[in-house]
């Protein structure tokens, strides 16, 4: 005999799984502490400044 499935419960389980997946993505996106975000931004700015400092300018005569 086949296993009986309650469609209402299956639909609710599917919706719950999708919400949990979206919540995980939001935790990753918005869950970073401010200190870590600021540190990453400062490191990126420092690397850009270091790169810009090594560039040769065409305007030198």
N, C-alpha and C. Protein backbone atom coordinates (compact mmCIF):
# COMPACT_ATOMS: atom_id res chain seq x y z
N UNK A 1 0.84 -1.17 0.00
CA UNK A 1 0.00 0.00 0.00
C UNK A 1 0.89 1.25 0.00
N UNK A 2 0.49 2.27 -0.71
CA UNK A 2 1.25 3.51 -0.82
C UNK A 2 1.15 4.32 0.45
N UNK A 3 2.17 5.11 0.65
CA UNK A 3 2.19 5.98 1.84
C UNK A 3 1.30 7.20 1.58
N UNK A 4 0.45 7.49 2.52
CA UNK A 4 -0.46 8.63 2.40
C UNK A 4 0.26 9.92 2.79
N UNK A 5 0.02 10.98 2.02
CA UNK A 5 0.65 12.27 2.28
C UNK A 5 -0.45 13.31 2.43
N UNK A 6 -0.39 14.04 3.52
CA UNK A 6 -1.31 15.14 3.74
C UNK A 6 -0.76 16.35 2.97
N UNK A 7 -1.47 16.76 1.93
CA UNK A 7 -0.98 17.84 1.06
C UNK A 7 -0.86 19.17 1.80
N UNK A 8 -1.74 19.44 2.73
CA UNK A 8 -1.68 20.68 3.50
C UNK A 8 -0.39 20.73 4.30
N UNK A 9 -0.05 19.62 4.95
CA UNK A 9 1.17 19.57 5.75
C UNK A 9 2.41 19.66 4.85
N UNK A 10 2.35 19.01 3.69
CA UNK A 10 3.48 19.07 2.77
C UNK A 10 3.69 20.50 2.26
N UNK A 11 2.61 21.19 1.97
CA UNK A 11 2.70 22.57 1.50
C UNK A 11 3.28 23.47 2.58
N UNK A 12 2.84 23.27 3.81
CA UNK A 12 3.37 24.08 4.92
C UNK A 12 4.85 23.78 5.16
N UNK A 13 5.24 22.52 5.04
CA UNK A 13 6.65 22.15 5.24
C UNK A 13 7.53 22.78 4.16
N UNK A 14 7.03 22.80 2.93
CA UNK A 14 7.78 23.40 1.83
C UNK A 14 7.94 24.90 2.05
N UNK A 15 6.88 25.57 2.46
CA UNK A 15 6.95 27.01 2.72
C UNK A 15 7.91 27.31 3.87
N UNK A 16 7.88 26.47 4.90
CA UNK A 16 8.77 26.67 6.05
C UNK A 16 10.23 26.51 5.63
N UNK A 17 10.51 25.53 4.76
CA UNK A 17 11.87 25.31 4.29
C UNK A 17 12.35 26.50 3.46
N UNK A 18 11.47 27.07 2.63
CA UNK A 18 11.85 28.24 1.83
C UNK A 18 12.12 29.45 2.72
N UNK A 19 11.30 29.64 3.74
CA UNK A 19 11.52 30.76 4.67
C UNK A 19 12.83 30.59 5.42
N UNK A 20 13.14 29.37 5.81
CA UNK A 20 14.39 29.11 6.53
C UNK A 20 15.60 29.38 5.63
N UNK A 21 15.49 29.03 4.36
CA UNK A 21 16.57 29.28 3.42
C UNK A 21 16.78 30.79 3.25
N UNK A 22 15.69 31.55 3.15
CA UNK A 22 15.79 33.01 3.04
C UNK A 22 16.37 33.61 4.32
N UNK A 23 16.00 33.06 5.45
CA UNK A 23 16.52 33.56 6.73
C UNK A 23 18.02 33.32 6.83
N UNK A 24 18.49 32.17 6.36
CA UNK A 24 19.92 31.89 6.37
C UNK A 24 20.68 32.90 5.52
N UNK A 25 20.13 33.21 4.35
CA UNK A 25 20.77 34.19 3.47
C UNK A 25 20.81 35.56 4.14
N UNK A 26 19.74 35.94 4.81
CA UNK A 26 19.69 37.24 5.50
C UNK A 26 20.65 37.28 6.68
N UNK A 27 20.81 36.16 7.37
CA UNK A 27 21.77 36.12 8.49
C UNK A 27 23.18 36.38 7.98
N UNK A 28 23.50 35.80 6.84
CA UNK A 28 24.83 36.01 6.27
C UNK A 28 24.99 37.46 5.83
N UNK A 29 23.97 37.98 5.17
CA UNK A 29 24.03 39.33 4.63
C UNK A 29 24.03 40.39 5.72
N UNK A 30 23.15 40.28 6.68
CA UNK A 30 22.96 41.32 7.69
C UNK A 30 23.55 40.98 9.05
N UNK A 31 24.10 39.80 9.20
CA UNK A 31 24.55 39.36 10.50
C UNK A 31 25.99 39.69 10.83
N UNK A 32 26.68 40.39 9.93
CA UNK A 32 28.07 40.72 10.19
C UNK A 32 28.15 41.87 11.19
N UNK A 33 28.94 41.73 12.23
CA UNK A 33 29.07 42.81 13.21
C UNK A 33 29.68 44.07 12.57
N UNK A 34 29.36 45.21 13.11
CA UNK A 34 29.81 46.48 12.58
C UNK A 34 31.34 46.57 12.59
N UNK A 35 31.96 46.04 13.61
CA UNK A 35 33.42 46.09 13.72
C UNK A 35 34.06 45.34 12.55
N UNK A 36 33.52 44.18 12.22
CA UNK A 36 34.07 43.38 11.13
C UNK A 36 33.86 44.09 9.79
N UNK A 37 32.68 44.68 9.59
CA UNK A 37 32.41 45.43 8.35
C UNK A 37 33.38 46.59 8.21
N UNK A 38 33.59 47.34 9.30
CA UNK A 38 34.50 48.49 9.26
C UNK A 38 35.93 48.05 9.00
N UNK A 39 36.35 46.94 9.58
CA UNK A 39 37.70 46.44 9.37
C UNK A 39 37.90 46.04 7.92
N UNK A 40 36.94 45.36 7.34
CA UNK A 40 37.04 44.95 5.94
C UNK A 40 37.09 46.17 5.02
N UNK A 41 36.29 47.18 5.32
CA UNK A 41 36.29 48.39 4.51
C UNK A 41 37.62 49.13 4.64
N UNK A 42 38.18 49.19 5.84
CA UNK A 42 39.46 49.86 6.04
C UNK A 42 40.57 49.13 5.30
N UNK A 43 40.55 47.82 5.34
CA UNK A 43 41.57 47.04 4.62
C UNK A 43 41.46 47.27 3.11
N UNK A 44 40.24 47.33 2.61
CA UNK A 44 40.03 47.57 1.18
C UNK A 44 40.54 48.95 0.79
N UNK A 45 40.24 49.96 1.60
CA UNK A 45 40.70 51.32 1.32
C UNK A 45 42.22 51.41 1.35
N UNK A 46 42.84 50.74 2.30
CA UNK A 46 44.29 50.76 2.42
C UNK A 46 44.93 50.11 1.20
N UNK A 47 44.36 49.00 0.74
CA UNK A 47 44.90 48.32 -0.43
C UNK A 47 44.76 49.20 -1.68
N UNK A 48 43.63 49.90 -1.82
CA UNK A 48 43.44 50.79 -2.96
C UNK A 48 44.44 51.95 -2.92
N UNK A 49 44.69 52.50 -1.73
CA UNK A 49 45.64 53.60 -1.61
C UNK A 49 47.06 53.13 -1.93
N UNK A 50 47.41 51.93 -1.49
CA UNK A 50 48.73 51.39 -1.76
C UNK A 50 48.90 51.19 -3.27
N UNK A 51 47.88 50.67 -3.93
CA UNK A 51 47.93 50.47 -5.38
C UNK A 51 48.03 51.80 -6.11
N UNK A 52 47.26 52.78 -5.68
CA UNK A 52 47.28 54.10 -6.31
C UNK A 52 48.64 54.77 -6.11
N UNK A 53 49.31 54.49 -5.01
CA UNK A 53 50.61 55.08 -4.74
C UNK A 53 51.71 54.54 -5.63
N UNK A 54 51.52 53.36 -6.19
CA UNK A 54 52.53 52.74 -7.05
C UNK A 54 52.29 53.02 -8.53
N UNK A 55 51.19 53.67 -8.87
CA UNK A 55 50.90 53.95 -10.27
C UNK A 55 51.79 55.10 -10.76
N UNK A 56 52.19 54.99 -12.01
CA UNK A 56 52.95 56.06 -12.64
C UNK A 56 51.97 57.00 -13.33
N UNK A 57 52.22 58.27 -13.20
CA UNK A 57 51.34 59.25 -13.82
C UNK A 57 51.93 59.64 -15.18
N UNK A 58 51.09 59.87 -16.16
CA UNK A 58 51.52 60.27 -17.49
C UNK A 58 51.86 61.75 -17.58
N UNK A 59 51.45 62.53 -16.60
CA UNK A 59 51.64 63.97 -16.63
C UNK A 59 53.03 64.41 -16.20
N UNK A 60 53.90 63.50 -15.81
CA UNK A 60 55.24 63.87 -15.36
C UNK A 60 56.07 64.30 -16.55
N UNK A 61 56.84 65.44 -16.42
CA UNK A 61 57.68 65.94 -17.51
C UNK A 61 59.10 66.00 -17.10
